[in-house]
């Protein structure tokens, strides 16, 4: 939707590092920057951008912890980094691939509060699903943009892979484990490695579409019990985020 906004200078996530130059240069239009940040990237990126634009007004969009963890876990599987979910995030001893703290969303709000002069506008993915037109209007009004609703597609642009494809990629990872390697220091080599990984992902996805069901393990990638436990474990953190939005962004919370 952002490229359809008029009255703002939009900088997509692929040009995030160039946004500082645009902000310093100034201009007649407000600058809208989008970025998807992992838990390790959030604080350094916020610190870097806040030095350039401390008066920026951050917008944070959150998804239920169980839904978010499912999405992240499936992405790891797609990228041939499969581990059992219990080893991905460990709710008992916190010895998983990802620490429990990686999914604490209230802490992300604190990071934004600590580095910017304005509190973040906190929105929720649930509202995007329930009322996509209203969700877009909320952001457009907040940033002062105009748009034609007919020009925006509200269809999902990144549909999930089918379960069989994920199970195929999981089985590939089980049979041919890949040892972790340090990323090369040279930018060109890092670029080549990323491209080679993506080629492997796409090849695996294509093969997963046609792989016979009989050769695949029938074990589910994720169970409803695992997702329910994720939701219960982070319920307090989720409620803290909802309470924050109700206090500071009244009327913009799903269900209000």
C-alpha atoms as a PDB file:
ATOM      1  CA  UNK A   1       0.000   0.000   0.000  1.00  0.00           C
ATOM      2  CA  UNK A   2       2.817   2.447   0.779  1.00  0.00           C
ATOM      3  CA  UNK A   3       3.874   2.973  -2.867  1.00  0.00           C
ATOM      4  CA  UNK A   4       0.275   4.097  -3.540  1.00  0.00           C
ATOM      5  CA  UNK A   5       0.380   6.798  -0.878  1.00  0.00           C
ATOM      6  CA  UNK A   6       0.476  10.360  -2.179  1.00  0.00           C
ATOM      7  CA  UNK A   7       1.824  13.313  -0.224  1.00  0.00           C
ATOM      8  CA  UNK A   8       4.735  11.389   1.334  1.00  0.00           C
ATOM      9  CA  UNK A   9       8.205  10.379   0.169  1.00  0.00           C
ATOM     10  CA  UNK A  10       8.177   6.590   0.571  1.00  0.00           C
ATOM     11  CA  UNK A  11      11.434   4.668   1.112  1.00  0.00           C
ATOM     12  CA  UNK A  12      10.998   0.869   0.856  1.00  0.00           C
ATOM     13  CA  UNK A  13      12.769  -1.606   3.102  1.00  0.00           C
ATOM     14  CA  UNK A  14      15.306  -2.427   0.376  1.00  0.00           C
ATOM     15  CA  UNK A  15      16.585   1.167   0.590  1.00  0.00           C
ATOM     16  CA  UNK A  16      16.507   1.491   4.356  1.00  0.00           C
ATOM     17  CA  UNK A  17      20.196   2.402   4.621  1.00  0.00           C
ATOM     18  CA  UNK A  18      19.676   5.207   2.138  1.00  0.00           C
ATOM     19  CA  UNK A  19      16.867   6.743   4.180  1.00  0.00           C
ATOM     20  CA  UNK A  20      19.274   8.784   6.302  1.00  0.00           C
ATOM     21  CA  UNK A  21      20.430  10.725   3.239  1.00  0.00           C
ATOM     22  CA  UNK A  22      16.833  11.472   2.258  1.00  0.00           C
ATOM     23  CA  UNK A  23      15.971  12.652   5.779  1.00  0.00           C
ATOM     24  CA  UNK A  24      19.086  14.863   6.012  1.00  0.00           C
ATOM     25  CA  UNK A  25      18.391  16.345   2.603  1.00  0.00           C
ATOM     26  CA  UNK A  26      14.902  17.349   3.712  1.00  0.00           C
ATOM     27  CA  UNK A  27      12.128  18.405   1.387  1.00  0.00           C
ATOM     28  CA  UNK A  28       8.509  19.422   1.206  1.00  0.00           C
ATOM     29  CA  UNK A  29       7.105  15.939   1.880  1.00  0.00           C
ATOM     30  CA  UNK A  30       7.195  13.865   5.053  1.00  0.00           C
ATOM     31  CA  UNK A  31       9.371  10.747   4.715  1.00  0.00           C
ATOM     32  CA  UNK A  32       7.809   7.311   5.255  1.00  0.00           C
ATOM     33  CA  UNK A  33      10.304   4.487   5.841  1.00  0.00           C
ATOM     34  CA  UNK A  34       9.336   0.825   6.125  1.00  0.00           C
ATOM     35  CA  UNK A  35      11.515  -1.908   7.579  1.00  0.00           C
ATOM     36  CA  UNK A  36      11.031  -5.474   8.822  1.00  0.00           C
ATOM     37  CA  UNK A  37      13.487  -6.071  11.659  1.00  0.00           C
ATOM     38  CA  UNK A  38      14.495  -9.233  13.463  1.00  0.00           C
ATOM     39  CA  UNK A  39      14.978  -9.158  17.205  1.00  0.00           C
ATOM     40  CA  UNK A  40      18.766  -8.826  16.873  1.00  0.00           C
ATOM     41  CA  UNK A  41      18.458  -6.016  14.320  1.00  0.00           C
ATOM     42  CA  UNK A  42      15.845  -3.881  16.062  1.00  0.00           C
ATOM     43  CA  UNK A  43      17.888  -1.967  18.628  1.00  0.00           C
ATOM     44  CA  UNK A  44      20.913  -1.193  16.375  1.00  0.00           C
ATOM     45  CA  UNK A  45      18.627  -0.064  13.527  1.00  0.00           C
ATOM     46  CA  UNK A  46      16.536   2.117  15.841  1.00  0.00           C
ATOM     47  CA  UNK A  47      19.656   3.667  17.375  1.00  0.00           C
ATOM     48  CA  UNK A  48      21.068   4.411  13.919  1.00  0.00           C
ATOM     49  CA  UNK A  49      17.867   5.963  12.589  1.00  0.00           C
ATOM     50  CA  UNK A  50      17.130   7.925  15.789  1.00  0.00           C
ATOM     51  CA  UNK A  51      20.459   9.725  15.484  1.00  0.00           C
ATOM     52  CA  UNK A  52      19.256  11.087  12.140  1.00  0.00           C
ATOM     53  CA  UNK A  53      15.584  11.632  12.974  1.00  0.00           C
ATOM     54  CA  UNK A  54      14.913  11.672  16.733  1.00  0.00           C
ATOM     55  CA  UNK A  55      11.534  13.365  16.122  1.00  0.00           C
ATOM     56  CA  UNK A  56      10.309  10.523  13.888  1.00  0.00           C
ATOM     57  CA  UNK A  57       6.954   8.972  14.747  1.00  0.00           C
ATOM     58  CA  UNK A  58       7.424   5.171  14.797  1.00  0.00           C
ATOM     59  CA  UNK A  59       4.656   2.739  13.875  1.00  0.00           C
ATOM     60  CA  UNK A  60       4.865  -0.828  15.190  1.00  0.00           C
ATOM     61  CA  UNK A  61       2.606  -3.618  13.895  1.00  0.00           C
ATOM     62  CA  UNK A  62       2.362  -6.688  16.131  1.00  0.00           C
ATOM     63  CA  UNK A  63       1.011 -10.180  15.579  1.00  0.00           C
ATOM     64  CA  UNK A  64      -0.147 -12.696  18.197  1.00  0.00           C
ATOM     65  CA  UNK A  65       2.869 -14.538  19.573  1.00  0.00           C
ATOM     66  CA  UNK A  66       1.737 -18.008  18.484  1.00  0.00           C
ATOM     67  CA  UNK A  67       0.949 -16.803  14.953  1.00  0.00           C
ATOM     68  CA  UNK A  68       4.203 -14.855  14.764  1.00  0.00           C
ATOM     69  CA  UNK A  69       6.310 -17.772  16.018  1.00  0.00           C
ATOM     70  CA  UNK A  70       4.588 -20.105  13.557  1.00  0.00           C
ATOM     71  CA  UNK A  71       5.432 -17.748  10.696  1.00  0.00           C
ATOM     72  CA  UNK A  72       9.070 -17.381  11.807  1.00  0.00           C
ATOM     73  CA  UNK A  73       9.438 -21.137  12.345  1.00  0.00           C
ATOM     74  CA  UNK A  74       8.071 -21.980   8.905  1.00  0.00           C
ATOM     75  CA  UNK A  75      10.390 -19.417   7.340  1.00  0.00           C
ATOM     76  CA  UNK A  76      13.343 -21.093   9.053  1.00  0.00           C
ATOM     77  CA  UNK A  77      12.172 -24.436   7.673  1.00  0.00           C
ATOM     78  CA  UNK A  78      11.775 -22.959   4.198  1.00  0.00           C
ATOM     79  CA  UNK A  79      15.333 -21.656   4.400  1.00  0.00           C
ATOM     80  CA  UNK A  80      16.633 -25.145   5.254  1.00  0.00           C
ATOM     81  CA  UNK A  81      17.321 -24.350   8.907  1.00  0.00           C
ATOM     82  CA  UNK A  82      14.857 -26.858  10.343  1.00  0.00           C
ATOM     83  CA  UNK A  83      15.051 -27.935  13.973  1.00  0.00           C
ATOM     84  CA  UNK A  84      12.212 -29.414  16.079  1.00  0.00           C
ATOM     85  CA  UNK A  85      10.039 -26.662  17.514  1.00  0.00           C
ATOM     86  CA  UNK A  86      11.174 -27.517  21.069  1.00  0.00           C
ATOM     87  CA  UNK A  87      14.758 -26.820  19.970  1.00  0.00           C
ATOM     88  CA  UNK A  88      13.709 -23.687  18.111  1.00  0.00           C
ATOM     89  CA  UNK A  89      12.328 -22.010  21.235  1.00  0.00           C
ATOM     90  CA  UNK A  90      12.623 -23.734  24.607  1.00  0.00           C
ATOM     91  CA  UNK A  91       9.950 -22.718  27.115  1.00  0.00           C
ATOM     92  CA  UNK A  92      11.504 -24.779  29.919  1.00  0.00           C
ATOM     93  CA  UNK A  93      15.235 -23.975  30.099  1.00  0.00           C
ATOM     94  CA  UNK A  94      15.506 -21.219  27.476  1.00  0.00           C
ATOM     95  CA  UNK A  95      18.168 -23.158  25.555  1.00  0.00           C
ATOM     96  CA  UNK A  96      16.558 -22.980  22.118  1.00  0.00           C
ATOM     97  CA  UNK A  97      17.902 -21.554  18.884  1.00  0.00           C
ATOM     98  CA  UNK A  98      15.939 -18.425  19.697  1.00  0.00           C
ATOM     99  CA  UNK A  99      15.884 -17.075  23.248  1.00  0.00           C
ATOM    100  CA  UNK A 100      12.535 -16.561  24.900  1.00  0.00           C
ATOM    101  CA  UNK A 101      13.287 -12.831  24.984  1.00  0.00           C
ATOM    102  CA  UNK A 102      13.293 -12.706  21.156  1.00  0.00           C
ATOM    103  CA  UNK A 103       9.486 -12.722  21.241  1.00  0.00           C
ATOM    104  CA  UNK A 104       8.965 -10.096  23.958  1.00  0.00           C
ATOM    105  CA  UNK A 105       7.113  -7.375  22.084  1.00  0.00           C
ATOM    106  CA  UNK A 106       6.658  -4.979  25.006  1.00  0.00           C
ATOM    107  CA  UNK A 107      10.435  -4.623  25.094  1.00  0.00           C
ATOM    108  CA  UNK A 108      10.389  -3.505  21.459  1.00  0.00           C
ATOM    109  CA  UNK A 109       7.976  -0.739  22.411  1.00  0.00           C
ATOM    110  CA  UNK A 110      10.390   0.339  25.170  1.00  0.00           C
ATOM    111  CA  UNK A 111      13.248   0.505  22.659  1.00  0.00           C
ATOM    112  CA  UNK A 112      11.214   2.842  20.460  1.00  0.00           C
ATOM    113  CA  UNK A 113      10.161   4.970  23.440  1.00  0.00           C
ATOM    114  CA  UNK A 114      13.766   5.269  24.593  1.00  0.00           C
ATOM    115  CA  UNK A 115      15.111   6.530  21.265  1.00  0.00           C
ATOM    116  CA  UNK A 116      12.375   8.711  19.776  1.00  0.00           C
ATOM    117  CA  UNK A 117      10.668  11.821  21.064  1.00  0.00           C
ATOM    118  CA  UNK A 118       7.200  10.457  20.205  1.00  0.00           C
ATOM    119  CA  UNK A 119       5.559   7.318  21.494  1.00  0.00           C
ATOM    120  CA  UNK A 120       5.059   4.617  18.878  1.00  0.00           C
ATOM    121  CA  UNK A 121       1.716   4.028  17.242  1.00  0.00           C
ATOM    122  CA  UNK A 122       1.059   0.346  18.067  1.00  0.00           C
ATOM    123  CA  UNK A 123      -1.233  -1.523  15.683  1.00  0.00           C
ATOM    124  CA  UNK A 124      -2.213  -5.185  15.478  1.00  0.00           C
ATOM    125  CA  UNK A 125      -2.218  -7.670  12.644  1.00  0.00           C
ATOM    126  CA  UNK A 126      -5.652  -8.925  13.758  1.00  0.00           C
ATOM    127  CA  UNK A 127      -7.161  -5.607  12.724  1.00  0.00           C
ATOM    128  CA  UNK A 128      -5.473  -5.791   9.334  1.00  0.00           C
ATOM    129  CA  UNK A 129      -7.142  -9.176   8.765  1.00  0.00           C
ATOM    130  CA  UNK A 130     -10.554  -8.094  10.060  1.00  0.00           C
ATOM    131  CA  UNK A 131     -10.703  -4.645   8.465  1.00  0.00           C
ATOM    132  CA  UNK A 132      -7.905  -4.104   5.912  1.00  0.00           C
ATOM    133  CA  UNK A 133      -9.495  -0.943   4.476  1.00  0.00           C
ATOM    134  CA  UNK A 134      -9.780   0.620   7.916  1.00  0.00           C
ATOM    135  CA  UNK A 135      -6.233  -0.438   8.775  1.00  0.00           C
ATOM    136  CA  UNK A 136      -4.835   1.316   5.704  1.00  0.00           C
ATOM    137  CA  UNK A 137      -6.887   4.435   6.455  1.00  0.00           C
ATOM    138  CA  UNK A 138      -5.477   4.534   9.994  1.00  0.00           C
ATOM    139  CA  UNK A 139      -1.879   4.566   8.775  1.00  0.00           C
ATOM    140  CA  UNK A 140      -2.603   6.989   5.917  1.00  0.00           C
ATOM    141  CA  UNK A 141      -4.299   9.451   8.275  1.00  0.00           C
ATOM    142  CA  UNK A 142      -1.442   9.135  10.774  1.00  0.00           C
ATOM    143  CA  UNK A 143       1.265   9.943   8.207  1.00  0.00           C
ATOM    144  CA  UNK A 144      -0.838  12.515   6.351  1.00  0.00           C
ATOM    145  CA  UNK A 145      -1.091  10.602   3.069  1.00  0.00           C
ATOM    146  CA  UNK A 146      -3.845  10.444   0.485  1.00  0.00           C
ATOM    147  CA  UNK A 147      -4.621   7.413  -1.690  1.00  0.00           C
ATOM    148  CA  UNK A 148      -7.222   5.872  -3.954  1.00  0.00           C
ATOM    149  CA  UNK A 149      -8.617   2.728  -2.352  1.00  0.00           C
ATOM    150  CA  UNK A 150      -9.285   1.190  -5.770  1.00  0.00           C
ATOM    151  CA  UNK A 151      -5.536   1.281  -6.486  1.00  0.00           C
ATOM    152  CA  UNK A 152      -4.675  -0.909  -3.483  1.00  0.00           C
ATOM    153  CA  UNK A 153      -4.953  -4.689  -3.607  1.00  0.00           C
ATOM    154  CA  UNK A 154      -6.082  -6.187  -0.322  1.00  0.00           C
ATOM    155  CA  UNK A 155      -5.205  -9.737  -1.350  1.00  0.00           C
ATOM    156  CA  UNK A 156      -2.310 -11.420   0.521  1.00  0.00           C
ATOM    157  CA  UNK A 157       0.876 -10.993  -1.508  1.00  0.00           C
ATOM    158  CA  UNK A 158       2.950 -13.730   0.166  1.00  0.00           C
ATOM    159  CA  UNK A 159       0.826 -16.815   0.598  1.00  0.00           C
ATOM    160  CA  UNK A 160       2.182 -19.596   2.779  1.00  0.00           C
ATOM    161  CA  UNK A 161       3.698 -22.664   1.186  1.00  0.00           C
ATOM    162  CA  UNK A 162       1.630 -25.778   1.305  1.00  0.00           C
ATOM    163  CA  UNK A 163       2.202 -28.158   4.216  1.00  0.00           C
ATOM    164  CA  UNK A 164       3.678 -30.819   1.905  1.00  0.00           C
ATOM    165  CA  UNK A 165       6.373 -28.434   0.686  1.00  0.00           C
ATOM    166  CA  UNK A 166       7.390 -27.563   4.228  1.00  0.00           C
ATOM    167  CA  UNK A 167       7.541 -31.247   5.176  1.00  0.00           C
ATOM    168  CA  UNK A 168       9.684 -31.946   2.115  1.00  0.00           C
ATOM    169  CA  UNK A 169      12.135 -29.197   3.084  1.00  0.00           C
ATOM    170  CA  UNK A 170      12.203 -30.513   6.643  1.00  0.00           C
ATOM    171  CA  UNK A 171      13.004 -34.033   5.438  1.00  0.00           C
ATOM    172  CA  UNK A 172      15.782 -32.685   3.216  1.00  0.00           C
ATOM    173  CA  UNK A 173      17.303 -30.915   6.221  1.00  0.00           C
ATOM    174  CA  UNK A 174      17.047 -34.057   8.343  1.00  0.00           C
ATOM    175  CA  UNK A 175      18.775 -36.270   5.772  1.00  0.00           C
ATOM    176  CA  UNK A 176      21.440 -33.801   4.671  1.00  0.00           C
ATOM    177  CA  UNK A 177      22.228 -31.551   7.630  1.00  0.00           C
ATOM    178  CA  UNK A 178      24.146 -28.391   6.847  1.00  0.00           C
ATOM    179  CA  UNK A 179      26.857 -27.283   9.240  1.00  0.00           C
ATOM    180  CA  UNK A 180      26.625 -23.602  10.178  1.00  0.00           C
ATOM    181  CA  UNK A 181      29.367 -21.483   8.656  1.00  0.00           C
ATOM    182  CA  UNK A 182      30.565 -17.990   9.406  1.00  0.00           C
ATOM    183  CA  UNK A 183      29.411 -15.362   6.971  1.00  0.00           C
ATOM    184  CA  UNK A 184      32.254 -14.166   4.697  1.00  0.00           C
ATOM    185  CA  UNK A 185      33.561 -10.670   5.370  1.00  0.00           C
ATOM    186  CA  UNK A 186      33.590  -9.661   1.701  1.00  0.00           C
ATOM    187  CA  UNK A 187      30.222  -8.207   0.648  1.00  0.00           C
ATOM    188  CA  UNK A 188      30.335  -9.851  -2.804  1.00  0.00           C
ATOM    189  CA  UNK A 189      30.838 -13.291  -1.246  1.00  0.00           C
ATOM    190  CA  UNK A 190      27.966 -12.719   1.186  1.00  0.00           C
ATOM    191  CA  UNK A 191      25.756 -11.736  -1.749  1.00  0.00           C
ATOM    192  CA  UNK A 192      26.719 -14.932  -3.633  1.00  0.00           C
ATOM    193  CA  UNK A 193      26.011 -17.072  -0.590  1.00  0.00           C
ATOM    194  CA  UNK A 194      22.580 -15.504  -0.096  1.00  0.00           C
ATOM    195  CA  UNK A 195      21.752 -16.023  -3.784  1.00  0.00           C
ATOM    196  CA  UNK A 196      22.854 -19.646  -3.637  1.00  0.00           C
ATOM    197  CA  UNK A 197      20.673 -20.225  -0.575  1.00  0.00           C
ATOM    198  CA  UNK A 198      17.684 -18.704  -2.314  1.00  0.00           C
ATOM    199  CA  UNK A 199      18.274 -20.898  -5.342  1.00  0.00           C
ATOM    200  CA  UNK A 200      18.304 -23.932  -3.050  1.00  0.00           C
ATOM    201  CA  UNK A 201      15.065 -22.770  -1.355  1.00  0.00           C
ATOM    202  CA  UNK A 202      13.271 -22.291  -4.649  1.00  0.00           C
ATOM    203  CA  UNK A 203      14.479 -25.652  -5.924  1.00  0.00           C
ATOM    204  CA  UNK A 204      13.293 -27.338  -2.738  1.00  0.00           C
ATOM    205  CA  UNK A 205       9.908 -25.635  -2.909  1.00  0.00           C
ATOM    206  CA  UNK A 206       9.472 -26.704  -6.539  1.00  0.00           C
ATOM    207  CA  UNK A 207      10.387 -30.318  -5.742  1.00  0.00           C
ATOM    208  CA  UNK A 208       8.105 -30.272  -2.701  1.00  0.00           C
ATOM    209  CA  UNK A 209       5.124 -29.557  -4.953  1.00  0.00           C
ATOM    210  CA  UNK A 210       5.594 -32.810  -6.836  1.00  0.00           C
ATOM    211  CA  UNK A 211       7.137 -35.035  -4.147  1.00  0.00           C
ATOM    212  CA  UNK A 212       5.016 -38.164  -3.572  1.00  0.00           C
ATOM    213  CA  UNK A 213       3.249 -38.137  -0.236  1.00  0.00           C
ATOM    214  CA  UNK A 214       4.521 -41.648   0.519  1.00  0.00           C
ATOM    215  CA  UNK A 215       8.168 -40.498   0.793  1.00  0.00           C
ATOM    216  CA  UNK A 216       7.401 -37.724   3.268  1.00  0.00           C
ATOM    217  CA  UNK A 217       7.231 -38.034   7.011  1.00  0.00           C
ATOM    218  CA  UNK A 218       3.667 -37.641   8.238  1.00  0.00           C
ATOM    219  CA  UNK A 219       4.750 -35.937  11.475  1.00  0.00           C
ATOM    220  CA  UNK A 220       3.248 -32.442  11.677  1.00  0.00           C
ATOM    221  CA  UNK A 221       5.664 -29.534  11.619  1.00  0.00           C
ATOM    222  CA  UNK A 222       3.735 -27.854  14.416  1.00  0.00           C
ATOM    223  CA  UNK A 223       0.958 -29.086  16.650  1.00  0.00           C
ATOM    224  CA  UNK A 224      -1.958 -27.137  18.058  1.00  0.00           C
ATOM    225  CA  UNK A 225      -0.648 -27.911  21.554  1.00  0.00           C
ATOM    226  CA  UNK A 226       2.701 -26.261  20.735  1.00  0.00           C
ATOM    227  CA  UNK A 227       0.981 -23.170  19.378  1.00  0.00           C
ATOM    228  CA  UNK A 228      -1.371 -23.017  22.364  1.00  0.00           C
ATOM    229  CA  UNK A 229       1.587 -23.218  24.737  1.00  0.00           C
ATOM    230  CA  UNK A 230       3.305 -20.396  22.870  1.00  0.00           C
ATOM    231  CA  UNK A 231       0.234 -18.242  23.218  1.00  0.00           C
ATOM    232  CA  UNK A 232      -0.122 -19.009  26.925  1.00  0.00           C
ATOM    233  CA  UNK A 233       3.575 -18.438  27.629  1.00  0.00           C
ATOM    234  CA  UNK A 234       3.504 -14.927  26.140  1.00  0.00           C
ATOM    235  CA  UNK A 235      -0.021 -13.963  27.173  1.00  0.00           C
ATOM    236  CA  UNK A 236       1.226 -11.438  29.728  1.00  0.00           C
ATOM    237  CA  UNK A 237       3.476  -9.753  27.174  1.00  0.00           C
ATOM    238  CA  UNK A 238       0.658  -9.612  24.623  1.00  0.00           C
ATOM    239  CA  UNK A 239      -1.761  -8.094  27.118  1.00  0.00           C
ATOM    240  CA  UNK A 240       0.848  -5.483  28.075  1.00  0.00           C
ATOM    241  CA  UNK A 241       1.072  -4.443  24.408  1.00  0.00           C
ATOM    242  CA  UNK A 242      -2.718  -4.288  24.066  1.00  0.00           C
ATOM    243  CA  UNK A 243      -2.969  -2.212  27.253  1.00  0.00           C
ATOM    244  CA  UNK A 244      -0.287   0.139  25.942  1.00  0.00           C
ATOM    245  CA  UNK A 245      -2.174   0.652  22.687  1.00  0.00           C
ATOM    246  CA  UNK A 246      -5.435   1.254  24.527  1.00  0.00           C
ATOM    247  CA  UNK A 247      -3.804   3.924  26.695  1.00  0.00           C
ATOM    248  CA  UNK A 248      -1.882   5.713  23.988  1.00  0.00           C
ATOM    249  CA  UNK A 249      -3.705   4.827  20.740  1.00  0.00           C
ATOM    250  CA  UNK A 250      -7.378   4.704  21.834  1.00  0.00           C
ATOM    251  CA  UNK A 251      -9.851   3.308  19.332  1.00  0.00           C
ATOM    252  CA  UNK A 252      -7.159   1.598  17.237  1.00  0.00           C
ATOM    253  CA  UNK A 253      -7.066  -1.785  18.983  1.00  0.00           C
ATOM    254  CA  UNK A 254      -8.802  -4.820  17.470  1.00  0.00           C
ATOM    255  CA  UNK A 255     -12.198  -5.183  19.095  1.00  0.00           C
ATOM    256  CA  UNK A 256     -12.417  -1.582  20.347  1.00  0.00           C
END
